[in-house]
């Protein structure tokens, strides 16, 4: 084995023992354990999937969940209800404007 490789391997082992491979102080940094990054990504994907399921109607809020996930689901459901309500109000306003426009045109012609 070449001396340079031996030194690199020895330094790597020394750093891993000295610092510890899974050092909690490194979480949320570039030096975090790969499992920390995988767990973070998995959590984000789960939250995105939950929001997507609520918006698409696959999740209607009837299943039991962990408290934090249930809070997120309830917030998204409330936003969806508000959006649907605003959509209905906008549609009613649009129809009223069209009706008034038709009445005004009729009055102008007659």
PDB file of N, CA and C in Angstrom:
ATOM      1  N   UNK A   1       0.846  -1.170   0.000  1.00  0.00           N
ATOM      2  CA  UNK A   1       0.000   0.000   0.000  1.00  0.00           C
ATOM      3  C   UNK A   1       0.895   1.238   0.000  1.00  0.00           C
ATOM      4  N   UNK A   2       0.499   2.206  -0.786  1.00  0.00           N
ATOM      5  CA  UNK A   2       1.292   3.425  -0.856  1.00  0.00           C
ATOM      6  C   UNK A   2       1.132   4.221   0.436  1.00  0.00           C
ATOM      7  N   UNK A   3       2.175   4.938   0.774  1.00  0.00           N
ATOM      8  CA  UNK A   3       2.186   5.715   2.009  1.00  0.00           C
ATOM      9  C   UNK A   3       1.089   6.773   2.014  1.00  0.00           C
ATOM     10  N   UNK A   4       0.870   7.437   0.868  1.00  0.00           N
ATOM     11  CA  UNK A   4      -0.131   8.497   0.792  1.00  0.00           C
ATOM     12  C   UNK A   4      -1.533   7.943   1.090  1.00  0.00           C
ATOM     13  N   UNK A   5      -1.868   6.786   0.515  1.00  0.00           N
ATOM     14  CA  UNK A   5      -3.172   6.178   0.763  1.00  0.00           C
ATOM     15  C   UNK A   5      -3.304   5.757   2.223  1.00  0.00           C
ATOM     16  N   UNK A   6      -2.238   5.241   2.779  1.00  0.00           N
ATOM     17  CA  UNK A   6      -2.248   4.803   4.158  1.00  0.00           C
ATOM     18  C   UNK A   6      -2.506   5.985   5.081  1.00  0.00           C
ATOM     19  N   UNK A   7      -1.865   7.117   4.802  1.00  0.00           N
ATOM     20  CA  UNK A   7      -2.058   8.322   5.618  1.00  0.00           C
ATOM     21  C   UNK A   7      -3.501   8.821   5.498  1.00  0.00           C
ATOM     22  N   UNK A   8      -4.035   8.862   4.271  1.00  0.00           N
ATOM     23  CA  UNK A   8      -5.417   9.318   4.073  1.00  0.00           C
ATOM     24  C   UNK A   8      -6.402   8.431   4.833  1.00  0.00           C
ATOM     25  N   UNK A   9      -6.208   7.118   4.728  1.00  0.00           N
ATOM     26  CA  UNK A   9      -7.098   6.195   5.412  1.00  0.00           C
ATOM     27  C   UNK A   9      -6.991   6.366   6.930  1.00  0.00           C
ATOM     28  N   UNK A  10      -5.778   6.531   7.418  1.00  0.00           N
ATOM     29  CA  UNK A  10      -5.582   6.734   8.852  1.00  0.00           C
ATOM     30  C   UNK A  10      -6.207   8.034   9.333  1.00  0.00           C
ATOM     31  N   UNK A  11      -6.046   9.112   8.559  1.00  0.00           N
ATOM     32  CA  UNK A  11      -6.648  10.393   8.931  1.00  0.00           C
ATOM     33  C   UNK A  11      -8.172  10.308   8.932  1.00  0.00           C
ATOM     34  N   UNK A  12      -8.717   9.613   7.961  1.00  0.00           N
ATOM     35  CA  UNK A  12     -10.169   9.467   7.881  1.00  0.00           C
ATOM     36  C   UNK A  12     -10.698   8.744   9.120  1.00  0.00           C
ATOM     37  N   UNK A  13     -10.036   7.658   9.502  1.00  0.00           N
ATOM     38  CA  UNK A  13     -10.451   6.922  10.704  1.00  0.00           C
ATOM     39  C   UNK A  13     -10.303   7.779  11.954  1.00  0.00           C
ATOM     40  N   UNK A  14      -9.222   8.534  12.039  1.00  0.00           N
ATOM     41  CA  UNK A  14      -8.992   9.380  13.204  1.00  0.00           C
ATOM     42  C   UNK A  14     -10.086  10.440  13.312  1.00  0.00           C
ATOM     43  N   UNK A  15     -10.428  11.071  12.178  1.00  0.00           N
ATOM     44  CA  UNK A  15     -11.467  12.107  12.185  1.00  0.00           C
ATOM     45  C   UNK A  15     -12.807  11.502  12.576  1.00  0.00           C
ATOM     46  N   UNK A  16     -13.121  10.321  12.046  1.00  0.00           N
ATOM     47  CA  UNK A  16     -14.394   9.693  12.379  1.00  0.00           C
ATOM     48  C   UNK A  16     -14.475   9.356  13.862  1.00  0.00           C
ATOM     49  N   UNK A  17     -13.396   8.898  14.433  1.00  0.00           N
ATOM     50  CA  UNK A  17     -13.397   8.590  15.862  1.00  0.00           C
ATOM     51  C   UNK A  17     -13.417   9.860  16.698  1.00  0.00           C
ATOM     52  N   UNK A  18     -12.650  10.847  16.273  1.00  0.00           N
ATOM     53  CA  UNK A  18     -12.521  12.087  17.044  1.00  0.00           C
ATOM     54  C   UNK A  18     -13.824  12.878  17.025  1.00  0.00           C
ATOM     55  N   UNK A  19     -14.389  13.054  15.870  1.00  0.00           N
ATOM     56  CA  UNK A  19     -15.578  13.882  15.724  1.00  0.00           C
ATOM     57  C   UNK A  19     -16.838  13.049  15.900  1.00  0.00           C
ATOM     58  N   UNK A  20     -16.782  11.831  15.492  1.00  0.00           N
ATOM     59  CA  UNK A  20     -17.977  10.993  15.525  1.00  0.00           C
ATOM     60  C   UNK A  20     -18.728  11.143  14.218  1.00  0.00           C
ATOM     61  N   UNK A  21     -19.082  10.024  13.644  1.00  0.00           N
ATOM     62  CA  UNK A  21     -19.728  10.083  12.326  1.00  0.00           C
ATOM     63  C   UNK A  21     -21.109  10.705  12.433  1.00  0.00           C
ATOM     64  N   UNK A  22     -21.851  10.382  13.461  1.00  0.00           N
ATOM     65  CA  UNK A  22     -23.203  10.918  13.608  1.00  0.00           C
ATOM     66  C   UNK A  22     -23.212  11.920  14.754  1.00  0.00           C
ATOM     67  N   UNK A  23     -22.664  13.077  14.506  1.00  0.00           N
ATOM     68  CA  UNK A  23     -22.581  14.127  15.512  1.00  0.00           C
ATOM     69  C   UNK A  23     -23.817  15.016  15.398  1.00  0.00           C
ATOM     70  N   UNK A  24     -24.629  15.081  16.438  1.00  0.00           N
ATOM     71  CA  UNK A  24     -25.875  15.850  16.394  1.00  0.00           C
ATOM     72  C   UNK A  24     -25.645  17.336  16.143  1.00  0.00           C
ATOM     73  N   UNK A  25     -24.488  17.843  16.523  1.00  0.00           N
ATOM     74  CA  UNK A  25     -24.191  19.257  16.279  1.00  0.00           C
ATOM     75  C   UNK A  25     -24.065  19.557  14.793  1.00  0.00           C
ATOM     76  N   UNK A  26     -23.838  18.535  13.983  1.00  0.00           N
ATOM     77  CA  UNK A  26     -23.695  18.739  12.539  1.00  0.00           C
ATOM     78  C   UNK A  26     -25.031  18.674  11.798  1.00  0.00           C
ATOM     79  N   UNK A  27     -26.110  18.274  12.504  1.00  0.00           N
ATOM     80  CA  UNK A  27     -27.408  18.226  11.840  1.00  0.00           C
ATOM     81  C   UNK A  27     -27.743  19.591  11.261  1.00  0.00           C
ATOM     82  N   UNK A  28     -28.356  19.580  10.106  1.00  0.00           N
ATOM     83  CA  UNK A  28     -28.746  20.792   9.374  1.00  0.00           C
ATOM     84  C   UNK A  28     -27.538  21.567   8.861  1.00  0.00           C
ATOM     85  N   UNK A  29     -26.421  20.892   8.674  1.00  0.00           N
ATOM     86  CA  UNK A  29     -25.234  21.515   8.085  1.00  0.00           C
ATOM     87  C   UNK A  29     -24.749  20.636   6.936  1.00  0.00           C
ATOM     88  N   UNK A  30     -23.758  21.121   6.219  1.00  0.00           N
ATOM     89  CA  UNK A  30     -23.181  20.332   5.132  1.00  0.00           C
ATOM     90  C   UNK A  30     -22.491  19.067   5.636  1.00  0.00           C
ATOM     91  N   UNK A  31     -22.150  19.018   6.918  1.00  0.00           N
ATOM     92  CA  UNK A  31     -21.413  17.880   7.468  1.00  0.00           C
ATOM     93  C   UNK A  31     -22.322  16.889   8.179  1.00  0.00           C
ATOM     94  N   UNK A  32     -23.624  17.047   8.043  1.00  0.00           N
ATOM     95  CA  UNK A  32     -24.564  16.154   8.725  1.00  0.00           C
ATOM     96  C   UNK A  32     -24.461  14.738   8.161  1.00  0.00           C
ATOM     97  N   UNK A  33     -24.853  13.789   8.980  1.00  0.00           N
ATOM     98  CA  UNK A  33     -24.879  12.388   8.573  1.00  0.00           C
ATOM     99  C   UNK A  33     -25.846  12.238   7.397  1.00  0.00           C
ATOM    100  N   UNK A  34     -25.516  11.410   6.406  1.00  0.00           N
ATOM    101  CA  UNK A  34     -26.414  11.237   5.252  1.00  0.00           C
ATOM    102  C   UNK A  34     -27.837  10.833   5.641  1.00  0.00           C
ATOM    103  N   UNK A  35     -27.971  10.068   6.717  1.00  0.00           N
ATOM    104  CA  UNK A  35     -29.312   9.661   7.145  1.00  0.00           C
ATOM    105  C   UNK A  35     -30.138  10.866   7.579  1.00  0.00           C
ATOM    106  N   UNK A  36     -29.494  11.884   8.133  1.00  0.00           N
ATOM    107  CA  UNK A  36     -30.221  13.097   8.529  1.00  0.00           C
ATOM    108  C   UNK A  36     -30.812  13.762   7.296  1.00  0.00           C
ATOM    109  N   UNK A  37     -30.008  13.861   6.234  1.00  0.00           N
ATOM    110  CA  UNK A  37     -30.503  14.475   5.000  1.00  0.00           C
ATOM    111  C   UNK A  37     -31.628  13.634   4.389  1.00  0.00           C
ATOM    112  N   UNK A  38     -31.471  12.311   4.401  1.00  0.00           N
ATOM    113  CA  UNK A  38     -32.524  11.444   3.859  1.00  0.00           C
ATOM    114  C   UNK A  38     -33.809  11.594   4.662  1.00  0.00           C
ATOM    115  N   UNK A  39     -33.680  11.663   5.976  1.00  0.00           N
ATOM    116  CA  UNK A  39     -34.864  11.826   6.825  1.00  0.00           C
ATOM    117  C   UNK A  39     -35.560  13.153   6.583  1.00  0.00           C
ATOM    118  N   UNK A  40     -34.769  14.204   6.406  1.00  0.00           N
ATOM    119  CA  UNK A  40     -35.344  15.515   6.125  1.00  0.00           C
ATOM    120  C   UNK A  40     -36.088  15.499   4.801  1.00  0.00           C
ATOM    121  N   UNK A  41     -35.469  14.925   3.778  1.00  0.00           N
ATOM    122  CA  UNK A  41     -36.127  14.841   2.472  1.00  0.00           C
ATOM    123  C   UNK A  41     -37.390  13.991   2.542  1.00  0.00           C
ATOM    124  N   UNK A  42     -37.323  12.889   3.280  1.00  0.00           N
ATOM    125  CA  UNK A  42     -38.490  12.025   3.412  1.00  0.00           C
ATOM    126  C   UNK A  42     -39.639  12.787   4.086  1.00  0.00           C
ATOM    127  N   UNK A  43     -39.320  13.558   5.113  1.00  0.00           N
ATOM    128  CA  UNK A  43     -40.345  14.354   5.790  1.00  0.00           C
ATOM    129  C   UNK A  43     -40.961  15.400   4.877  1.00  0.00           C
ATOM    130  N   UNK A  44     -40.124  16.055   4.089  1.00  0.00           N
ATOM    131  CA  UNK A  44     -40.637  17.056   3.150  1.00  0.00           C
ATOM    132  C   UNK A  44     -41.524  16.420   2.093  1.00  0.00           C
ATOM    133  N   UNK A  45     -41.094  15.275   1.574  1.00  0.00           N
ATOM    134  CA  UNK A  45     -41.912  14.580   0.575  1.00  0.00           C
ATOM    135  C   UNK A  45     -43.255  14.163   1.173  1.00  0.00           C
ATOM    136  N   UNK A  46     -43.234  13.732   2.427  1.00  0.00           N
ATOM    137  CA  UNK A  46     -44.483  13.349   3.089  1.00  0.00           C
ATOM    138  C   UNK A  46     -45.424  14.529   3.261  1.00  0.00           C
ATOM    139  N   UNK A  47     -44.877  15.685   3.647  1.00  0.00           N
ATOM    140  CA  UNK A  47     -45.707  16.884   3.806  1.00  0.00           C
ATOM    141  C   UNK A  47     -46.281  17.332   2.468  1.00  0.00           C
ATOM    142  N   UNK A  48     -45.469  17.288   1.427  1.00  0.00           N
ATOM    143  CA  UNK A  48     -45.942  17.673   0.091  1.00  0.00           C
ATOM    144  C   UNK A  48     -47.030  16.711  -0.377  1.00  0.00           C
ATOM    145  N   UNK A  49     -46.833  15.423  -0.129  1.00  0.00           N
ATOM    146  CA  UNK A  49     -47.833  14.424  -0.518  1.00  0.00           C
ATOM    147  C   UNK A  49     -49.143  14.661   0.245  1.00  0.00           C
ATOM    148  N   UNK A  50     -49.040  15.010   1.533  1.00  0.00           N
ATOM    149  CA  UNK A  50     -50.229  15.283   2.337  1.00  0.00           C
ATOM    150  C   UNK A  50     -50.998  16.476   1.776  1.00  0.00           C
ATOM    151  N   UNK A  51     -50.282  17.562   1.480  1.00  0.00           N
ATOM    152  CA  UNK A  51     -50.925  18.755   0.920  1.00  0.00           C
ATOM    153  C   UNK A  51     -51.568  18.423  -0.421  1.00  0.00           C
ATOM    154  N   UNK A  52     -50.855  17.698  -1.254  1.00  0.00           N
ATOM    155  CA  UNK A  52     -51.381  17.325  -2.568  1.00  0.00           C
ATOM    156  C   UNK A  52     -52.638  16.465  -2.432  1.00  0.00           C
ATOM    157  N   UNK A  53     -52.628  15.514  -1.492  1.00  0.00           N
ATOM    158  CA  UNK A  53     -53.793  14.652  -1.290  1.00  0.00           C
ATOM    159  C   UNK A  53     -54.999  15.441  -0.788  1.00  0.00           C
ATOM    160  N   UNK A  54     -54.763  16.421   0.081  1.00  0.00           N
ATOM    161  CA  UNK A  54     -55.868  17.242   0.580  1.00  0.00           C
ATOM    162  C   UNK A  54     -56.451  18.081  -0.547  1.00  0.00           C
ATOM    163  N   UNK A  55     -55.591  18.707  -1.340  1.00  0.00           N
ATOM    164  CA  UNK A  55     -56.056  19.565  -2.433  1.00  0.00           C
ATOM    165  C   UNK A  55     -56.797  18.752  -3.484  1.00  0.00           C
ATOM    166  N   UNK A  56     -56.300  17.565  -3.794  1.00  0.00           N
ATOM    167  CA  UNK A  56     -56.930  16.742  -4.835  1.00  0.00           C
ATOM    168  C   UNK A  56     -58.187  16.034  -4.343  1.00  0.00           C
ATOM    169  N   UNK A  57     -58.419  16.034  -3.038  1.00  0.00           N
ATOM    170  CA  UNK A  57     -59.607  15.384  -2.489  1.00  0.00           C
ATOM    171  C   UNK A  57     -59.385  13.953  -2.040  1.00  0.00           C
ATOM    172  N   UNK A  58     -58.180  13.421  -2.206  1.00  0.00           N
ATOM    173  CA  UNK A  58     -57.894  12.051  -1.757  1.00  0.00           C
ATOM    174  C   UNK A  58     -57.933  11.946  -0.237  1.00  0.00           C
ATOM    175  N   UNK A  59     -57.577  13.033   0.449  1.00  0.00           N
ATOM    176  CA  UNK A  59     -57.566  13.067   1.904  1.00  0.00           C
ATOM    177  C   UNK A  59     -58.618  14.082   2.343  1.00  0.00           C
ATOM    178  N   UNK A  60     -59.707  13.581   2.918  1.00  0.00           N
ATOM    179  CA  UNK A  60     -60.799  14.475   3.305  1.00  0.00           C
ATOM    180  C   UNK A  60     -60.797  14.826   4.782  1.00  0.00           C
ATOM    181  N   UNK A  61     -59.794  14.389   5.512  1.00  0.00           N
ATOM    182  CA  UNK A  61     -59.673  14.744   6.915  1.00  0.00           C
ATOM    183  C   UNK A  61     -60.296  13.747   7.863  1.00  0.00           C
ATOM    184  N   UNK A  62     -60.695  12.575   7.384  1.00  0.00           N
ATOM    185  CA  UNK A  62     -61.354  11.601   8.250  1.00  0.00           C
ATOM    186  C   UNK A  62     -60.389  10.609   8.891  1.00  0.00           C
ATOM    187  N   UNK A  63     -59.202  10.455   8.342  1.00  0.00           N
ATOM    188  CA  UNK A  63     -58.265   9.474   8.912  1.00  0.00           C
ATOM    189  C   UNK A  63     -57.509  10.091  10.078  1.00  0.00           C
ATOM    190  N   UNK A  64     -57.161   9.261  11.058  1.00  0.00           N
ATOM    191  CA  UNK A  64     -56.392   9.734  12.199  1.00  0.00           C
ATOM    192  C   UNK A  64     -54.934   9.925  11.830  1.00  0.00           C
ATOM    193  N   UNK A  65     -54.304  10.951  12.395  1.00  0.00           N
ATOM    194  CA  UNK A  65     -52.906  11.242  12.076  1.00  0.00           C
ATOM    195  C   UNK A  65     -52.198  11.748  13.320  1.00  0.00           C
ATOM    196  N   UNK A  66     -50.912  11.895  13.182  1.00  0.00           N
ATOM    197  CA  UNK A  66     -50.152  12.545  14.231  1.00  0.00           C
ATOM    198  C   UNK A  66     -50.602  13.993  14.337  1.00  0.00           C
ATOM    199  N   UNK A  67     -50.444  14.573  15.494  1.00  0.00           N
ATOM    200  CA  UNK A  67     -50.963  15.916  15.759  1.00  0.00           C
ATOM    201  C   UNK A  67     -50.435  16.957  14.775  1.00  0.00           C
ATOM    202  N   UNK A  68     -49.126  16.964  14.522  1.00  0.00           N
ATOM    203  CA  UNK A  68     -48.560  17.968  13.615  1.00  0.00           C
ATOM    204  C   UNK A  68     -49.066  17.784  12.192  1.00  0.00           C
ATOM    205  N   UNK A  69     -49.141  16.541  11.733  1.00  0.00           N
ATOM    206  CA  UNK A  69     -49.640  16.284  10.381  1.00  0.00           C
ATOM    207  C   UNK A  69     -51.112  16.653  10.290  1.00  0.00           C
ATOM    208  N   UNK A  70     -51.862  16.397  11.352  1.00  0.00           N
ATOM    209  CA  UNK A  70     -53.279  16.747  11.343  1.00  0.00           C
ATOM    210  C   UNK A  70     -53.467  18.264  11.314  1.00  0.00           C
ATOM    211  N   UNK A  71     -52.622  19.004  12.025  1.00  0.00           N
ATOM    212  CA  UNK A  71     -52.694  20.475  11.982  1.00  0.00           C
ATOM    213  C   UNK A  71     -52.437  20.980  10.567  1.00  0.00           C
ATOM    214  N   UNK A  72     -51.431  20.418   9.913  1.00  0.00           N
ATOM    215  CA  UNK A  72     -51.126  20.811   8.537  1.00  0.00           C
ATOM    216  C   UNK A  72     -52.308  20.497   7.631  1.00  0.00           C
ATOM    217  N   UNK A  73     -52.865  19.321   7.787  1.00  0.00           N
ATOM    218  CA  UNK A  73     -54.011  18.933   6.961  1.00  0.00           C
ATOM    219  C   UNK A  73     -55.187  19.878   7.187  1.00  0.00           C
ATOM    220  N   UNK A  74     -55.461  20.215   8.440  1.00  0.00           N
ATOM    221  CA  UNK A  74     -56.575  21.119   8.733  1.00  0.00           C
ATOM    222  C   UNK A  74     -56.343  22.506   8.135  1.00  0.00           C
ATOM    223  N   UNK A  75     -55.107  23.002   8.186  1.00  0.00           N
ATOM    224  CA  UNK A  75     -54.804  24.305   7.579  1.00  0.00           C
ATOM    225  C   UNK A  75     -55.032  24.263   6.074  1.00  0.00           C
ATOM    226  N   UNK A  76     -54.586  23.188   5.434  1.00  0.00           N
ATOM    227  CA  UNK A  76     -54.762  23.075   3.981  1.00  0.00           C
ATOM    228  C   UNK A  76     -56.244  22.935   3.637  1.00  0.00           C
ATOM    229  N   UNK A  77     -56.989  22.155   4.425  1.00  0.00           N
ATOM    230  CA  UNK A  77     -58.430  22.031   4.184  1.00  0.00           C
ATOM    231  C   UNK A  77     -59.125  23.383   4.306  1.00  0.00           C
ATOM    232  N   UNK A  78     -58.734  24.169   5.305  1.00  0.00           N
ATOM    233  CA  UNK A  78     -59.325  25.502   5.482  1.00  0.00           C
ATOM    234  C   UNK A  78     -58.999  26.403   4.293  1.00  0.00           C
ATOM    235  N   UNK A  79     -57.755  26.365   3.827  1.00  0.00           N
ATOM    236  CA  UNK A  79     -57.385  27.154   2.643  1.00  0.00           C
ATOM    237  C   UNK A  79     -58.180  26.709   1.421  1.00  0.00           C
ATOM    238  N   UNK A  80     -58.377  25.409   1.292  1.00  0.00           N
ATOM    239  CA  UNK A  80     -59.148  24.891   0.155  1.00  0.00           C
ATOM    240  C   UNK A  80     -60.598  25.360   0.238  1.00  0.00           C
ATOM    241  N   UNK A  81     -61.183  25.325   1.438  1.00  0.00           N
ATOM    242  CA  UNK A  81     -62.564  25.802   1.604  1.00  0.00           C
ATOM    243  C   UNK A  81     -62.672  27.285   1.262  1.00  0.00           C
ATOM    244  N   UNK A  82     -61.708  28.076   1.731  1.00  0.00           N
ATOM    245  CA  UNK A  82     -61.710  29.510   1.416  1.00  0.00           C
ATOM    246  C   UNK A  82     -61.587  29.732  -0.085  1.00  0.00           C
ATOM    247  N   UNK A  83     -60.709  28.978  -0.728  1.00  0.00           N
ATOM    248  CA  UNK A  83     -60.543  29.110  -2.176  1.00  0.00           C
ATOM    249  C   UNK A  83     -61.831  28.762  -2.907  1.00  0.00           C
ATOM    250  N   UNK A  84     -62.458  27.661  -2.498  1.00  0.00           N
ATOM    251  CA  UNK A  84     -63.708  27.255  -3.141  1.00  0.00           C
ATOM    252  C   UNK A  84     -64.796  28.297  -2.927  1.00  0.00           C
ATOM    253  N   UNK A  85     -64.845  28.855  -1.719  1.00  0.00           N
ATOM    254  CA  UNK A  85     -65.835  29.886  -1.416  1.00  0.00           C
ATOM    255  C   UNK A  85     -65.594  31.136  -2.260  1.00  0.00           C
ATOM    256  N   UNK A  86     -64.333  31.559  -2.353  1.00  0.00           N
ATOM    257  CA  UNK A  86     -64.002  32.729  -3.172  1.00  0.00           C
ATOM    258  C   UNK A  86     -64.303  32.473  -4.639  1.00  0.00           C
ATOM    259  N   UNK A  87     -64.053  31.251  -5.086  1.00  0.00           N
ATOM    260  CA  UNK A  87     -64.344  30.903  -6.477  1.00  0.00           C
ATOM    261  C   UNK A  87     -65.842  31.048  -6.748  1.00  0.00           C
ATOM    262  N   UNK A  88     -66.669  30.567  -5.810  1.00  0.00           N
ATOM    263  CA  UNK A  88     -68.125  30.688  -5.974  1.00  0.00           C
ATOM    264  C   UNK A  88     -68.546  32.154  -5.982  1.00  0.00           C
ATOM    265  N   UNK A  89     -67.981  32.951  -5.054  1.00  0.00           N
ATOM    266  CA  UNK A  89     -68.319  34.372  -5.003  1.00  0.00           C
ATOM    267  C   UNK A  89     -67.914  35.076  -6.290  1.00  0.00           C
ATOM    268  N   UNK A  90     -66.731  34.755  -6.798  1.00  0.00           N
ATOM    269  CA  UNK A  90     -66.265  35.373  -8.048  1.00  0.00           C
ATOM    270  C   UNK A  90     -67.168  34.982  -9.210  1.00  0.00           C
ATOM    271  N   UNK A  91     -67.592  33.741  -9.232  1.00  0.00           N
ATOM    272  CA  UNK A  91     -68.482  33.284 -10.306  1.00  0.00           C
ATOM    273  C   UNK A  91     -69.825  34.005 -10.225  1.00  0.00           C
ATOM    274  N   UNK A  92     -70.342  34.187  -9.008  1.00  0.00           N
ATOM    275  CA  UNK A  92     -71.601  34.917  -8.841  1.00  0.00           C
ATOM    276  C   UNK A  92     -71.456  36.367  -9.285  1.00  0.00           C
ATOM    277  N   UNK A  93     -70.325  36.999  -8.925  1.00  0.00           N
ATOM    278  CA  UNK A  93     -70.081  38.381  -9.359  1.00  0.00           C
ATOM    279  C   UNK A  93     -69.974  38.468 -10.874  1.00  0.00           C
ATOM    280  N   UNK A  94     -69.306  37.509 -11.475  1.00  0.00           N
ATOM    281  CA  UNK A  94     -69.165  37.505 -12.929  1.00  0.00           C
ATOM    282  C   UNK A  94     -70.527  37.397 -13.607  1.00  0.00           C
ATOM    283  N   UNK A  95     -71.366  36.510 -13.094  1.00  0.00           N
ATOM    284  CA  UNK A  95     -72.705  36.355 -13.666  1.00  0.00           C
ATOM    285  C   UNK A  95     -73.543  37.620 -13.482  1.00  0.00           C
ATOM    286  N   UNK A  96     -73.391  38.271 -12.333  1.00  0.00           N
ATOM    287  CA  UNK A  96     -74.123  39.523 -12.086  1.00  0.00           C
ATOM    288  C   UNK A  96     -73.668  40.618 -13.042  1.00  0.00           C
ATOM    289  N   UNK A  97     -72.362  40.704 -13.284  1.00  0.00           N
ATOM    290  CA  UNK A  97     -71.836  41.700 -14.228  1.00  0.00           C
ATOM    291  C   UNK A  97     -72.363  41.414 -15.631  1.00  0.00           C
ATOM    292  N   UNK A  98     -72.377  40.162 -16.038  1.00  0.00           N
ATOM    293  CA  UNK A  98     -72.911  39.801 -17.355  1.00  0.00           C
ATOM    294  C   UNK A  98     -74.400  40.141 -17.455  1.00  0.00           C
ATOM    295  N   UNK A  99     -75.139  39.879 -16.392  1.00  0.00           N
ATOM    296  CA  UNK A  99     -76.568  40.182 -16.387  1.00  0.00           C
ATOM    297  C   UNK A  99     -76.798  41.683 -16.503  1.00  0.00           C
ATOM    298  N   UNK A 100     -76.043  42.459 -15.716  1.00  0.00           N
ATOM    299  CA  UNK A 100     -76.174  43.921 -15.776  1.00  0.00           C
ATOM    300  C   UNK A 100     -75.785  44.441 -17.149  1.00  0.00           C
ATOM    301  N   UNK A 101     -74.744  43.862 -17.723  1.00  0.00           N
ATOM    302  CA  UNK A 101     -74.304  44.278 -19.056  1.00  0.00           C
ATOM    303  C   UNK A 101     -75.392  44.000 -20.090  1.00  0.00           C
ATOM    304  N   UNK A 102     -76.034  42.847 -19.981  1.00  0.00           N
ATOM    305  CA  UNK A 102     -77.122  42.508 -20.909  1.00  0.00           C
ATOM    306  C   UNK A 102     -78.302  43.446 -20.721  1.00  0.00           C
ATOM    307  N   UNK A 103     -78.613  43.786 -19.472  1.00  0.00           N
ATOM    308  CA  UNK A 103     -79.714  44.722 -19.200  1.00  0.00           C
ATOM    309  C   UNK A 103     -79.394  46.092 -19.779  1.00  0.00           C
ATOM    310  N   UNK A 104     -78.146  46.557 -19.588  1.00  0.00           N
ATOM    311  CA  UNK A 104     -77.745  47.873 -20.105  1.00  0.00           C
ATOM    312  C   UNK A 104     -77.813  47.903 -21.626  1.00  0.00           C
ATOM    313  N   UNK A 105     -77.377  46.841 -22.275  1.00  0.00           N
ATOM    314  CA  UNK A 105     -77.435  46.787 -23.743  1.00  0.00           C
ATOM    315  C   UNK A 105     -78.888  46.789 -24.223  1.00  0.00           C
ATOM    316  N   UNK A 106     -79.739  46.058 -23.522  1.00  0.00           N
ATOM    317  CA  UNK A 106     -81.153  46.016 -23.883  1.00  0.00           C
ATOM    318  C   UNK A 106     -81.786  47.402 -23.749  1.00  0.00           C
ATOM    319  N   UNK A 107     -81.441  48.087 -22.642  1.00  0.00           N
ATOM    320  CA  UNK A 107     -81.993  49.424 -22.418  1.00  0.00           C
ATOM    321  C   UNK A 107     -81.494  50.412 -23.460  1.00  0.00           C
ATOM    322  N   UNK A 108     -80.226  50.262 -23.885  1.00  0.00           N
ATOM    323  CA  UNK A 108     -79.669  51.163 -24.904  1.00  0.00           C
ATOM    324  C   UNK A 108     -80.349  50.956 -26.253  1.00  0.00           C
ATOM    325  N   UNK A 109     -80.755  49.737 -26.531  1.00  0.00           N
ATOM    326  CA  UNK A 109     -81.387  49.429 -27.819  1.00  0.00           C
ATOM    327  C   UNK A 109     -82.857  49.850 -27.845  1.00  0.00           C
ATOM    328  N   UNK A 110     -83.499  49.887 -26.741  1.00  0.00           N
ATOM    329  CA  UNK A 110     -84.942  50.085 -26.715  1.00  0.00           C
ATOM    330  C   UNK A 110     -85.320  51.427 -26.324  1.00  0.00           C
TER     331      UNK A 110
END
